[in-house]
Amino acid sequence: MTIWTPTLSDADLPLYKALALALEEDIASGTLSPGEKLPTHRDLADRLGMNVSTVTRAYREAERKGFVSGTVG
């Protein structure tokens, strides 16, 4: 698992969309590599000081757009 900690820069977006956008941008820039494991929802939420459901929603949004895929376990 990576220790990815995104920079959330777009204050005009809802927090989950800003996080999904940061994920998308870091994939596009090569900061995150294909197949790299992302932090768990809880770990990332703790690091960013946000609710776990916000991270879950952001990951779901990124998955919906085809940037990530997830498995449990």
PDB file of N, CA and C in Angstrom:
ATOM      1  N   MET A   1       0.848  -1.181   0.000  1.00  0.00           N
ATOM      2  CA  MET A   1       0.000   0.000   0.000  1.00  0.00           C
ATOM      3  C   MET A   1       0.888   1.237   0.000  1.00  0.00           C
ATOM      4  N   THR A   2       0.488   2.214  -0.769  1.00  0.00           N
ATOM      5  CA  THR A   2       1.228   3.470  -0.863  1.00  0.00           C
ATOM      6  C   THR A   2       0.869   4.398   0.295  1.00  0.00           C
ATOM      7  N   ILE A   3       1.749   5.334   0.554  1.00  0.00           N
ATOM      8  CA  ILE A   3       1.470   6.342   1.578  1.00  0.00           C
ATOM      9  C   ILE A   3       1.077   7.629   0.848  1.00  0.00           C
ATOM     10  N   TRP A   4       0.168   7.494  -0.071  1.00  0.00           N
ATOM     11  CA  TRP A   4      -0.301   8.621  -0.877  1.00  0.00           C
ATOM     12  C   TRP A   4      -1.104   9.575  -0.001  1.00  0.00           C
ATOM     13  N   THR A   5      -0.683  10.810   0.009  1.00  0.00           N
ATOM     14  CA  THR A   5      -1.420  11.864   0.694  1.00  0.00           C
ATOM     15  C   THR A   5      -1.613  13.000  -0.301  1.00  0.00           C
ATOM     16  N   PRO A   6      -2.815  13.146  -0.815  1.00  0.00           N
ATOM     17  CA  PRO A   6      -3.065  14.126  -1.868  1.00  0.00           C
ATOM     18  C   PRO A   6      -3.099  15.557  -1.356  1.00  0.00           C
ATOM     19  N   THR A   7      -2.904  16.461  -2.281  1.00  0.00           N
ATOM     20  CA  THR A   7      -3.090  17.877  -2.021  1.00  0.00           C
ATOM     21  C   THR A   7      -4.441  18.264  -2.609  1.00  0.00           C
ATOM     22  N   LEU A   8      -5.331  18.725  -1.764  1.00  0.00           N
ATOM     23  CA  LEU A   8      -6.672  19.109  -2.221  1.00  0.00           C
ATOM     24  C   LEU A   8      -6.674  20.609  -2.485  1.00  0.00           C
ATOM     25  N   SER A   9      -6.812  20.961  -3.766  1.00  0.00           N
ATOM     26  CA  SER A   9      -6.640  22.362  -4.114  1.00  0.00           C
ATOM     27  C   SER A   9      -7.907  23.070  -4.569  1.00  0.00           C
ATOM     28  N   ASP A  10      -8.908  22.350  -5.027  1.00  0.00           N
ATOM     29  CA  ASP A  10     -10.083  23.013  -5.578  1.00  0.00           C
ATOM     30  C   ASP A  10     -11.149  23.190  -4.509  1.00  0.00           C
ATOM     31  N   ALA A  11     -11.168  24.357  -3.886  1.00  0.00           N
ATOM     32  CA  ALA A  11     -12.087  24.648  -2.788  1.00  0.00           C
ATOM     33  C   ALA A  11     -13.535  24.829  -3.266  1.00  0.00           C
ATOM     34  N   ASP A  12     -13.745  24.982  -4.579  1.00  0.00           N
ATOM     35  CA  ASP A  12     -15.095  25.173  -5.096  1.00  0.00           C
ATOM     36  C   ASP A  12     -15.861  23.856  -5.230  1.00  0.00           C
ATOM     37  N   LEU A  13     -15.144  22.739  -5.149  1.00  0.00           N
ATOM     38  CA  LEU A  13     -15.780  21.435  -5.293  1.00  0.00           C
ATOM     39  C   LEU A  13     -16.136  20.856  -3.929  1.00  0.00           C
ATOM     40  N   PRO A  14     -17.150  19.981  -3.901  1.00  0.00           N
ATOM     41  CA  PRO A  14     -17.373  19.221  -2.667  1.00  0.00           C
ATOM     42  C   PRO A  14     -16.099  18.427  -2.343  1.00  0.00           C
ATOM     43  N   LEU A  15     -15.864  18.164  -1.090  1.00  0.00           N
ATOM     44  CA  LEU A  15     -14.632  17.523  -0.648  1.00  0.00           C
ATOM     45  C   LEU A  15     -14.383  16.185  -1.338  1.00  0.00           C
ATOM     46  N   TYR A  16     -15.419  15.371  -1.507  1.00  0.00           N
ATOM     47  CA  TYR A  16     -15.220  14.067  -2.147  1.00  0.00           C
ATOM     48  C   TYR A  16     -14.803  14.227  -3.605  1.00  0.00           C
ATOM     49  N   LYS A  17     -15.344  15.234  -4.285  1.00  0.00           N
ATOM     50  CA  LYS A  17     -14.961  15.462  -5.681  1.00  0.00           C
ATOM     51  C   LYS A  17     -13.543  16.011  -5.781  1.00  0.00           C
ATOM     52  N   ALA A  18     -13.151  16.851  -4.840  1.00  0.00           N
ATOM     53  CA  ALA A  18     -11.785  17.373  -4.815  1.00  0.00           C
ATOM     54  C   ALA A  18     -10.791  16.233  -4.595  1.00  0.00           C
ATOM     55  N   LEU A  19     -11.145  15.291  -3.727  1.00  0.00           N
ATOM     56  CA  LEU A  19     -10.280  14.141  -3.474  1.00  0.00           C
ATOM     57  C   LEU A  19     -10.217  13.235  -4.701  1.00  0.00           C
ATOM     58  N   ALA A  20     -11.348  12.988  -5.339  1.00  0.00           N
ATOM     59  CA  ALA A  20     -11.363  12.177  -6.562  1.00  0.00           C
ATOM     60  C   ALA A  20     -10.544  12.846  -7.660  1.00  0.00           C
ATOM     61  N   LEU A  21     -10.626  14.166  -7.762  1.00  0.00           N
ATOM     62  CA  LEU A  21      -9.849  14.908  -8.757  1.00  0.00           C
ATOM     63  C   LEU A  21      -8.359  14.812  -8.457  1.00  0.00           C
ATOM     64  N   ALA A  22      -7.972  14.915  -7.194  1.00  0.00           N
ATOM     65  CA  ALA A  22      -6.561  14.779  -6.817  1.00  0.00           C
ATOM     66  C   ALA A  22      -6.052  13.390  -7.172  1.00  0.00           C
ATOM     67  N   LEU A  23      -6.865  12.380  -6.963  1.00  0.00           N
ATOM     68  CA  LEU A  23      -6.501  11.009  -7.315  1.00  0.00           C
ATOM     69  C   LEU A  23      -6.303  10.892  -8.828  1.00  0.00           C
ATOM     70  N   GLU A  24      -7.238  11.439  -9.584  1.00  0.00           N
ATOM     71  CA  GLU A  24      -7.159  11.433 -11.044  1.00  0.00           C
ATOM     72  C   GLU A  24      -5.889  12.144 -11.524  1.00  0.00           C
ATOM     73  N   GLU A  25      -5.601  13.290 -10.963  1.00  0.00           N
ATOM     74  CA  GLU A  25      -4.421  14.066 -11.373  1.00  0.00           C
ATOM     75  C   GLU A  25      -3.124  13.342 -11.016  1.00  0.00           C
ATOM     76  N   ASP A  26      -3.077  12.693  -9.846  1.00  0.00           N
ATOM     77  CA  ASP A  26      -1.861  11.994  -9.450  1.00  0.00           C
ATOM     78  C   ASP A  26      -1.640  10.734 -10.282  1.00  0.00           C
ATOM     79  N   ILE A  27      -2.702  10.122 -10.764  1.00  0.00           N
ATOM     80  CA  ILE A  27      -2.563   8.992 -11.684  1.00  0.00           C
ATOM     81  C   ILE A  27      -2.038   9.501 -13.018  1.00  0.00           C
ATOM     82  N   ALA A  28      -2.628  10.584 -13.517  1.00  0.00           N
ATOM     83  CA  ALA A  28      -2.214  11.142 -14.804  1.00  0.00           C
ATOM     84  C   ALA A  28      -0.764  11.624 -14.798  1.00  0.00           C
ATOM     85  N   SER A  29      -0.308  12.154 -13.668  1.00  0.00           N
ATOM     86  CA  SER A  29       1.054  12.693 -13.592  1.00  0.00           C
ATOM     87  C   SER A  29       2.102  11.609 -13.314  1.00  0.00           C
ATOM     88  N   GLY A  30       1.638  10.403 -12.970  1.00  0.00           N
ATOM     89  CA  GLY A  30       2.578   9.332 -12.666  1.00  0.00           C
ATOM     90  C   GLY A  30       2.975   9.251 -11.204  1.00  0.00           C
ATOM     91  N   THR A  31       2.412  10.120 -10.372  1.00  0.00           N
ATOM     92  CA  THR A  31       2.672  10.047  -8.931  1.00  0.00           C
ATOM     93  C   THR A  31       2.179   8.712  -8.388  1.00  0.00           C
ATOM     94  N   LEU A  32       1.057   8.243  -8.916  1.00  0.00           N
ATOM     95  CA  LEU A  32       0.526   6.921  -8.594  1.00  0.00           C
ATOM     96  C   LEU A  32       0.666   6.041  -9.829  1.00  0.00           C
ATOM     97  N   SER A  33       1.215   4.857  -9.642  1.00  0.00           N
ATOM     98  CA  SER A  33       1.452   3.933 -10.754  1.00  0.00           C
ATOM     99  C   SER A  33       0.279   2.973 -10.916  1.00  0.00           C
ATOM    100  N   PRO A  34       0.079   2.467 -12.136  1.00  0.00           N
ATOM    101  CA  PRO A  34      -0.972   1.465 -12.344  1.00  0.00           C
ATOM    102  C   PRO A  34      -0.741   0.253 -11.441  1.00  0.00           C
ATOM    103  N   GLY A  35      -1.790  -0.217 -10.810  1.00  0.00           N
ATOM    104  CA  GLY A  35      -1.708  -1.373  -9.947  1.00  0.00           C
ATOM    105  C   GLY A  35      -1.273  -1.077  -8.525  1.00  0.00           C
ATOM    106  N   GLU A  36      -0.884   0.158  -8.268  1.00  0.00           N
ATOM    107  CA  GLU A  36      -0.444   0.534  -6.928  1.00  0.00           C
ATOM    108  C   GLU A  36      -1.641   0.542  -5.983  1.00  0.00           C
ATOM    109  N   LYS A  37      -1.459  -0.026  -4.802  1.00  0.00           N
ATOM    110  CA  LYS A  37      -2.544  -0.079  -3.819  1.00  0.00           C
ATOM    111  C   LYS A  37      -2.673   1.275  -3.132  1.00  0.00           C
ATOM    112  N   LEU A  38      -3.899   1.734  -3.052  1.00  0.00           N
ATOM    113  CA  LEU A  38      -4.191   2.999  -2.380  1.00  0.00           C
ATOM    114  C   LEU A  38      -4.351   2.762  -0.882  1.00  0.00           C
ATOM    115  N   PRO A  39      -4.236   3.816  -0.100  1.00  0.00           N
ATOM    116  CA  PRO A  39      -4.472   3.681   1.343  1.00  0.00           C
ATOM    117  C   PRO A  39      -5.907   3.225   1.603  1.00  0.00           C
ATOM    118  N   THR A  40      -6.109   2.568   2.723  1.00  0.00           N
ATOM    119  CA  THR A  40      -7.478   2.208   3.090  1.00  0.00           C
ATOM    120  C   THR A  40      -8.278   3.486   3.321  1.00  0.00           C
ATOM    121  N   HIS A  41      -9.553   3.342   3.244  1.00  0.00           N
ATOM    122  CA  HIS A  41     -10.434   4.497   3.448  1.00  0.00           C
ATOM    123  C   HIS A  41     -10.161   5.129   4.808  1.00  0.00           C
ATOM    124  N   ARG A  42     -10.059   4.293   5.831  1.00  0.00           N
ATOM    125  CA  ARG A  42      -9.849   4.806   7.186  1.00  0.00           C
ATOM    126  C   ARG A  42      -8.492   5.488   7.332  1.00  0.00           C
ATOM    127  N   ASP A  43      -7.438   4.883   6.787  1.00  0.00           N
ATOM    128  CA  ASP A  43      -6.100   5.482   6.893  1.00  0.00           C
ATOM    129  C   ASP A  43      -6.049   6.852   6.216  1.00  0.00           C
ATOM    130  N   LEU A  44      -6.605   6.939   5.009  1.00  0.00           N
ATOM    131  CA  LEU A  44      -6.576   8.211   4.297  1.00  0.00           C
ATOM    132  C   LEU A  44      -7.438   9.252   5.014  1.00  0.00           C
ATOM    133  N   ALA A  45      -8.598   8.841   5.497  1.00  0.00           N
ATOM    134  CA  ALA A  45      -9.463   9.764   6.234  1.00  0.00           C
ATOM    135  C   ALA A  45      -8.746  10.305   7.469  1.00  0.00           C
ATOM    136  N   ASP A  46      -8.060   9.436   8.193  1.00  0.00           N
ATOM    137  CA  ASP A  46      -7.316   9.879   9.381  1.00  0.00           C
ATOM    138  C   ASP A  46      -6.220  10.861   9.005  1.00  0.00           C
ATOM    139  N   ARG A  47      -5.483  10.555   7.922  1.00  0.00           N
ATOM    140  CA  ARG A  47      -4.386  11.434   7.503  1.00  0.00           C
ATOM    141  C   ARG A  47      -4.878  12.802   7.051  1.00  0.00           C
ATOM    142  N   LEU A  48      -6.044  12.828   6.412  1.00  0.00           N
ATOM    143  CA  LEU A  48      -6.576  14.086   5.882  1.00  0.00           C
ATOM    144  C   LEU A  48      -7.527  14.784   6.853  1.00  0.00           C
ATOM    145  N   GLY A  49      -7.854  14.121   7.957  1.00  0.00           N
ATOM    146  CA  GLY A  49      -8.766  14.715   8.929  1.00  0.00           C
ATOM    147  C   GLY A  49     -10.176  14.846   8.408  1.00  0.00           C
ATOM    148  N   MET A  50     -10.635  13.825   7.685  1.00  0.00           N
ATOM    149  CA  MET A  50     -11.991  13.862   7.144  1.00  0.00           C
ATOM    150  C   MET A  50     -12.731  12.582   7.504  1.00  0.00           C
ATOM    151  N   ASN A  51     -13.992  12.560   7.196  1.00  0.00           N
ATOM    152  CA  ASN A  51     -14.840  11.428   7.491  1.00  0.00           C
ATOM    153  C   ASN A  51     -14.534  10.275   6.537  1.00  0.00           C
ATOM    154  N   VAL A  52     -14.615   9.051   7.033  1.00  0.00           N
ATOM    155  CA  VAL A  52     -14.367   7.865   6.211  1.00  0.00           C
ATOM    156  C   VAL A  52     -15.346   7.811   5.036  1.00  0.00           C
ATOM    157  N   SER A  53     -16.577   8.212   5.254  1.00  0.00           N
ATOM    158  CA  SER A  53     -17.567   8.159   4.174  1.00  0.00           C
ATOM    159  C   SER A  53     -17.211   9.111   3.034  1.00  0.00           C
ATOM    160  N   THR A  54     -16.506  10.187   3.326  1.00  0.00           N
ATOM    161  CA  THR A  54     -16.061  11.111   2.283  1.00  0.00           C
ATOM    162  C   THR A  54     -15.019  10.439   1.397  1.00  0.00           C
ATOM    163  N   VAL A  55     -14.082   9.724   1.998  1.00  0.00           N
ATOM    164  CA  VAL A  55     -13.070   8.996   1.229  1.00  0.00           C
ATOM    165  C   VAL A  55     -13.730   7.891   0.418  1.00  0.00           C
ATOM    166  N   THR A  56     -14.667   7.175   1.029  1.00  0.00           N
ATOM    167  CA  THR A  56     -15.388   6.117   0.317  1.00  0.00           C
ATOM    168  C   THR A  56     -16.095   6.677  -0.898  1.00  0.00           C
ATOM    169  N   ARG A  57     -16.728   7.806  -0.738  1.00  0.00           N
ATOM    170  CA  ARG A  57     -17.441   8.441  -1.850  1.00  0.00           C
ATOM    171  C   ARG A  57     -16.471   8.891  -2.939  1.00  0.00           C
ATOM    172  N   ALA A  58     -15.310   9.411  -2.539  1.00  0.00           N
ATOM    173  CA  ALA A  58     -14.293   9.835  -3.507  1.00  0.00           C
ATOM    174  C   ALA A  58     -13.737   8.646  -4.285  1.00  0.00           C
ATOM    175  N   TYR A  59     -13.426   7.567  -3.584  1.00  0.00           N
ATOM    176  CA  TYR A  59     -12.930   6.357  -4.259  1.00  0.00           C
ATOM    177  C   TYR A  59     -13.982   5.820  -5.215  1.00  0.00           C
ATOM    178  N   ARG A  60     -15.249   5.846  -4.793  1.00  0.00           N
ATOM    179  CA  ARG A  60     -16.341   5.377  -5.649  1.00  0.00           C
ATOM    180  C   ARG A  60     -16.450   6.254  -6.899  1.00  0.00           C
ATOM    181  N   GLU A  61     -16.302   7.557  -6.735  1.00  0.00           N
ATOM    182  CA  GLU A  61     -16.350   8.481  -7.870  1.00  0.00           C
ATOM    183  C   GLU A  61     -15.201   8.195  -8.840  1.00  0.00           C
ATOM    184  N   ALA A  62     -14.003   7.971  -8.316  1.00  0.00           N
ATOM    185  CA  ALA A  62     -12.844   7.659  -9.166  1.00  0.00           C
ATOM    186  C   ALA A  62     -13.047   6.322  -9.875  1.00  0.00           C
ATOM    187  N   GLU A  63     -13.672   5.378  -9.198  1.00  0.00           N
ATOM    188  CA  GLU A  63     -13.950   4.081  -9.824  1.00  0.00           C
ATOM    189  C   GLU A  63     -14.999   4.234 -10.924  1.00  0.00           C
ATOM    190  N   ARG A  64     -16.016   5.032 -10.668  1.00  0.00           N
ATOM    191  CA  ARG A  64     -17.056   5.282 -11.654  1.00  0.00           C
ATOM    192  C   ARG A  64     -16.471   5.885 -12.934  1.00  0.00           C
ATOM    193  N   LYS A  65     -15.447   6.737 -12.764  1.00  0.00           N
ATOM    194  CA  LYS A  65     -14.794   7.373 -13.913  1.00  0.00           C
ATOM    195  C   LYS A  65     -13.746   6.469 -14.561  1.00  0.00           C
ATOM    196  N   GLY A  66     -13.480   5.310 -13.958  1.00  0.00           N
ATOM    197  CA  GLY A  66     -12.558   4.354 -14.534  1.00  0.00           C
ATOM    198  C   GLY A  66     -11.093   4.547 -14.185  1.00  0.00           C
ATOM    199  N   PHE A  67     -10.810   5.331 -13.167  1.00  0.00           N
ATOM    200  CA  PHE A  67      -9.415   5.593 -12.776  1.00  0.00           C
ATOM    201  C   PHE A  67      -8.869   4.559 -11.808  1.00  0.00           C
ATOM    202  N   VAL A  68      -9.742   3.932 -11.036  1.00  0.00           N
ATOM    203  CA  VAL A  68      -9.311   2.921 -10.072  1.00  0.00           C
ATOM    204  C   VAL A  68     -10.311   1.777 -10.097  1.00  0.00           C
ATOM    205  N   SER A  69      -9.890   0.663  -9.570  1.00  0.00           N
ATOM    206  CA  SER A  69     -10.799  -0.451  -9.327  1.00  0.00           C
ATOM    207  C   SER A  69     -10.490  -0.973  -7.943  1.00  0.00           C
ATOM    208  N   GLY A  70     -11.482  -1.504  -7.290  1.00  0.00           N
ATOM    209  CA  GLY A  70     -11.271  -1.902  -5.911  1.00  0.00           C
ATOM    210  C   GLY A  70     -11.734  -3.316  -5.628  1.00  0.00           C
ATOM    211  N   THR A  71     -11.052  -3.917  -4.668  1.00  0.00           N
ATOM    212  CA  THR A  71     -11.449  -5.219  -4.150  1.00  0.00           C
ATOM    213  C   THR A  71     -11.368  -5.147  -2.628  1.00  0.00           C
ATOM    214  N   VAL A  72     -12.169  -5.953  -1.991  1.00  0.00           N
ATOM    215  CA  VAL A  72     -12.170  -5.984  -0.531  1.00  0.00           C
ATOM    216  C   VAL A  72     -11.244  -7.099  -0.078  1.00  0.00           C
ATOM    217  N   GLY A  73     -10.449  -6.787   0.946  1.00  0.00           N
ATOM    218  CA  GLY A  73      -9.607  -7.822   1.533  1.00  0.00           C
ATOM    219  C   GLY A  73      -8.158  -7.719   1.252  1.00  0.00           C
TER     220      GLY A  73
END
